[in-house]
Amino acid sequence: MILIIHLLAFCGGFIIMSFELLGGRILAPYFGSGVYVWGSIITIFMLSLAIGYLLGGRLSVKNPTPRKFAGIFAASAIFLYPMILYAQPVMEFIFLHIEDPRYGSLTTAAFLFMIPTIILGMISPYSVRLLVDNVEESGKVAGALYFTSTLGSAIGTLMTSFYLVLWFEVDSIITILTLILLGIALLAWFLAPGQQAQSANTSTAE
């Protein structure tokens, strides 16, 4: 189970950074690819992850289970994929109504990327809670999981910037990321009965 949770955290980190890099490609046709565009994207992603960490930590204290963990991945997929349909209309509307490209790109990034990224940000703290059995090990578990997640982010950055954007269109990459999230959600869901049984046995023994 420990390896599976680490795998899920790795995939979460991969998808977050892949999504962030795609953000630049998505906004470029309307707002360019200048430093203010990337400043807007990074700001929205950092703010969204901060909120996600906070919400994920709070959610994790309320009877954490692998099936609730699966729900986080499923929810992120549900909010990520429709962006293929509404990204262009949103960008056109904001582009026509906000003349300053700095605030136009910031507003667009908030509308397009904030909700999926908040949900993705919930993955790391929830992963930690699923694996922590006692306070003494919490630092060790958190460090290992954040290492795994950050490693996934690094590989996601390289894979997306070096290969995926050369092989696929942006919409295709988003579809791939959505399918990965759904696959991870199913994996976590089917792991749930065994994990819950293990937790029940532990509680009985105590």
Protein backbone atom coordinates (compact mmCIF):
# COMPACT_ATOMS: atom_id res chain seq x y z
CA MET A 1 0.00 0.00 0.00
CA ILE A 2 2.88 2.38 0.79
CA LEU A 3 4.30 2.01 -2.73
CA ILE A 4 0.88 2.64 -4.27
CA ILE A 5 0.38 5.86 -2.29
CA HIS A 6 3.83 7.02 -3.38
CA LEU A 7 2.94 6.20 -6.98
CA LEU A 8 -0.24 8.26 -6.69
CA ALA A 9 1.70 11.18 -5.19
CA PHE A 10 4.26 10.92 -7.99
CA CYS A 11 1.53 11.03 -10.65
CA GLY A 12 -0.10 13.99 -8.91
CA GLY A 13 3.15 15.95 -9.00
CA PHE A 14 3.70 15.00 -12.64
CA ILE A 15 0.26 16.22 -13.68
CA ILE A 16 0.48 19.49 -11.76
CA MET A 17 3.66 20.60 -13.53
CA SER A 18 2.55 19.29 -16.91
CA PHE A 19 -0.67 21.28 -16.54
CA GLU A 20 1.22 24.40 -15.50
CA LEU A 21 3.49 24.24 -18.56
CA LEU A 22 0.49 23.73 -20.82
CA GLY A 23 -0.97 26.89 -19.33
CA GLY A 24 1.63 28.94 -21.19
CA ARG A 25 0.71 27.28 -24.49
CA ILE A 26 -3.00 27.83 -23.85
CA LEU A 27 -2.70 31.56 -23.11
CA ALA A 28 -0.09 32.34 -25.78
CA PRO A 29 -2.46 32.89 -28.76
CA TYR A 30 -4.27 35.69 -26.93
CA PHE A 31 -1.79 37.10 -24.43
CA GLY A 32 1.62 36.10 -25.79
CA SER A 33 4.32 34.31 -23.87
CA GLY A 34 6.00 37.22 -22.10
CA VAL A 35 7.16 37.34 -18.53
CA TYR A 36 3.84 38.78 -17.32
CA VAL A 37 1.98 35.76 -18.73
CA TRP A 38 4.26 33.33 -16.91
CA GLY A 39 4.09 35.52 -13.83
CA SER A 40 0.30 35.23 -13.94
CA ILE A 41 0.38 31.47 -14.44
CA ILE A 42 2.90 30.84 -11.66
CA THR A 43 0.99 33.13 -9.28
CA ILE A 44 -2.31 31.35 -9.88
CA PHE A 45 -0.75 27.91 -9.58
CA MET A 46 1.10 28.76 -6.36
CA LEU A 47 -2.01 30.35 -4.83
CA SER A 48 -4.17 27.40 -5.92
CA LEU A 49 -1.73 24.85 -4.53
CA ALA A 50 -1.59 26.73 -1.24
CA ILE A 51 -5.38 26.58 -0.97
CA GLY A 52 -5.32 22.92 -2.02
CA TYR A 53 -2.76 22.04 0.65
CA LEU A 54 -4.91 23.72 3.28
CA LEU A 55 -8.14 22.04 2.17
CA GLY A 56 -6.46 18.67 1.71
CA GLY A 57 -5.03 18.85 5.20
CA ARG A 58 -8.42 19.64 6.68
CA LEU A 59 -10.15 16.92 4.68
CA SER A 60 -7.57 14.34 5.69
CA VAL A 61 -8.43 14.55 9.40
CA LYS A 62 -12.01 13.43 8.80
CA ASN A 63 -11.80 9.63 8.57
CA PRO A 64 -9.32 9.43 5.65
CA THR A 65 -9.82 6.46 3.31
CA PRO A 66 -8.40 5.42 -0.07
CA ARG A 67 -11.84 5.87 -1.60
CA LYS A 68 -11.98 9.50 -0.53
CA PHE A 69 -8.46 9.82 -1.92
CA ALA A 70 -9.75 8.36 -5.20
CA GLY A 71 -12.45 11.03 -5.18
CA ILE A 72 -9.81 13.77 -5.23
CA PHE A 73 -8.30 12.39 -8.44
CA ALA A 74 -11.73 11.88 -10.01
CA ALA A 75 -12.80 15.42 -9.13
CA SER A 76 -9.61 16.90 -10.61
CA ALA A 77 -10.26 14.98 -13.84
CA ILE A 78 -13.86 16.21 -13.96
CA PHE A 79 -12.78 19.84 -13.67
CA LEU A 80 -9.71 19.51 -15.90
CA TYR A 81 -11.16 18.00 -19.06
CA PRO A 82 -13.97 20.53 -19.78
CA MET A 83 -11.28 23.21 -20.15
CA ILE A 84 -10.86 21.88 -23.69
CA LEU A 85 -14.36 23.14 -24.43
CA TYR A 86 -14.49 26.48 -22.60
CA ALA A 87 -10.88 27.73 -22.73
CA GLN A 88 -11.19 29.56 -26.03
CA PRO A 89 -14.52 31.32 -25.30
CA VAL A 90 -13.20 32.43 -21.89
CA MET A 91 -9.99 33.79 -23.39
CA GLU A 92 -11.86 35.61 -26.16
CA PHE A 93 -14.24 37.23 -23.68
CA ILE A 94 -11.51 38.37 -21.29
CA PHE A 95 -9.26 39.50 -24.14
CA LEU A 96 -12.03 41.78 -25.43
CA HIS A 97 -12.97 43.20 -22.04
CA ILE A 98 -9.62 43.65 -20.28
CA GLU A 99 -7.22 45.79 -22.27
CA ASP A 100 -4.14 45.39 -20.08
CA PRO A 101 -2.58 42.02 -21.04
CA ARG A 102 -1.10 41.65 -17.56
CA TYR A 103 -4.46 41.60 -15.84
CA GLY A 104 -6.08 39.84 -18.76
CA SER A 105 -3.67 36.93 -18.49
CA LEU A 106 -4.01 36.86 -14.69
CA THR A 107 -7.81 36.78 -14.86
CA THR A 108 -7.80 34.13 -17.56
CA ALA A 109 -5.35 31.96 -15.64
CA ALA A 110 -7.57 32.20 -12.57
CA PHE A 111 -10.69 31.17 -14.49
CA LEU A 112 -9.05 28.30 -16.36
CA PHE A 113 -6.54 26.82 -13.95
CA MET A 114 -7.54 27.61 -10.38
CA ILE A 115 -10.16 24.98 -9.55
CA PRO A 116 -8.36 21.95 -11.05
CA THR A 117 -5.11 23.01 -9.38
CA ILE A 118 -6.73 23.49 -5.98
CA ILE A 119 -8.04 19.93 -6.18
CA LEU A 120 -4.66 18.60 -7.33
CA GLY A 121 -3.04 20.42 -4.42
CA MET A 122 -5.11 18.32 -2.01
CA ILE A 123 -3.25 15.16 -3.04
CA SER A 124 -0.02 15.64 -1.08
CA PRO A 125 -1.42 16.33 2.40
CA TYR A 126 -4.01 13.58 2.00
CA SER A 127 -1.25 11.15 0.96
CA VAL A 128 0.67 11.97 4.12
CA ARG A 129 -2.36 11.36 6.32
CA LEU A 130 -3.05 7.96 4.76
CA LEU A 131 0.46 6.75 5.60
CA VAL A 132 1.05 8.35 9.01
CA ASP A 133 0.34 5.90 11.84
CA ASN A 134 1.97 7.82 14.67
CA VAL A 135 3.31 11.29 15.37
CA GLU A 136 6.91 10.10 15.65
CA GLU A 137 6.98 9.00 12.01
CA SER A 138 5.04 11.93 10.57
CA GLY A 139 8.10 13.96 9.57
CA LYS A 140 9.76 10.99 7.88
CA VAL A 141 6.60 10.04 6.00
CA ALA A 142 5.91 13.64 4.92
CA GLY A 143 9.49 14.10 3.71
CA ALA A 144 9.41 10.90 1.65
CA LEU A 145 6.06 11.74 0.09
CA TYR A 146 7.02 15.31 -0.79
CA PHE A 147 10.23 13.94 -2.31
CA THR A 148 8.16 11.57 -4.46
CA SER A 149 5.70 14.28 -5.45
CA THR A 150 8.45 16.77 -6.30
CA LEU A 151 10.30 14.13 -8.31
CA GLY A 152 7.08 13.59 -10.26
CA SER A 153 6.87 17.34 -10.84
CA ALA A 154 10.43 17.44 -12.18
CA ILE A 155 9.84 14.55 -14.55
CA GLY A 156 6.49 16.01 -15.60
CA THR A 157 8.23 19.28 -16.44
CA LEU A 158 10.84 17.57 -18.61
CA MET A 159 8.45 15.16 -20.30
CA THR A 160 5.97 17.91 -21.15
CA SER A 161 8.48 20.51 -22.33
CA PHE A 162 10.84 18.12 -24.13
CA TYR A 163 8.44 15.60 -25.64
CA LEU A 164 4.68 15.87 -25.11
CA VAL A 165 4.29 19.35 -26.61
CA LEU A 166 6.22 18.14 -29.66
CA TRP A 167 4.22 14.96 -30.12
CA PHE A 168 0.68 16.09 -29.29
CA GLU A 169 -1.65 19.08 -29.45
CA VAL A 170 -2.54 20.75 -26.16
CA ASP A 171 -6.07 19.31 -26.14
CA SER A 172 -4.66 15.82 -26.64
CA ILE A 173 -2.25 16.23 -23.73
CA ILE A 174 -5.08 17.43 -21.48
CA THR A 175 -7.08 14.37 -22.53
CA ILE A 176 -4.12 12.14 -21.65
CA LEU A 177 -3.74 13.80 -18.25
CA THR A 178 -7.47 13.38 -17.61
CA LEU A 179 -7.29 9.68 -18.44
CA ILE A 180 -4.30 9.26 -16.12
CA LEU A 181 -6.25 10.93 -13.31
CA LEU A 182 -9.25 8.68 -13.89
CA GLY A 183 -7.00 5.62 -14.00
CA ILE A 184 -5.38 6.64 -10.71
CA ALA A 185 -8.80 7.22 -9.17
CA LEU A 186 -9.86 3.69 -10.12
CA LEU A 187 -6.63 2.28 -8.71
CA ALA A 188 -7.15 4.04 -5.38
CA TRP A 189 -10.82 3.02 -5.32
CA PHE A 190 -10.12 -0.68 -5.77
CA LEU A 191 -7.39 -0.54 -3.14
CA ALA A 192 -9.91 0.72 -0.62
CA PRO A 193 -11.45 -2.57 0.59
CA GLY A 194 -8.06 -4.07 1.45
CA GLN A 195 -6.88 -0.91 3.20
CA GLN A 196 -10.09 -0.60 5.16
CA ALA A 197 -9.88 -4.22 6.22
CA GLN A 198 -6.30 -3.65 7.36
CA SER A 199 -7.39 -0.59 9.37
CA ALA A 200 -10.23 -2.57 10.93
CA ASN A 201 -7.87 -5.36 11.98
CA THR A 202 -5.48 -2.82 13.49
CA SER A 203 -8.27 -1.21 15.47
CA THR A 204 -9.47 -4.62 16.71
CA ALA A 205 -5.98 -5.57 17.83
CA GLU A 206 -5.70 -2.36 19.81
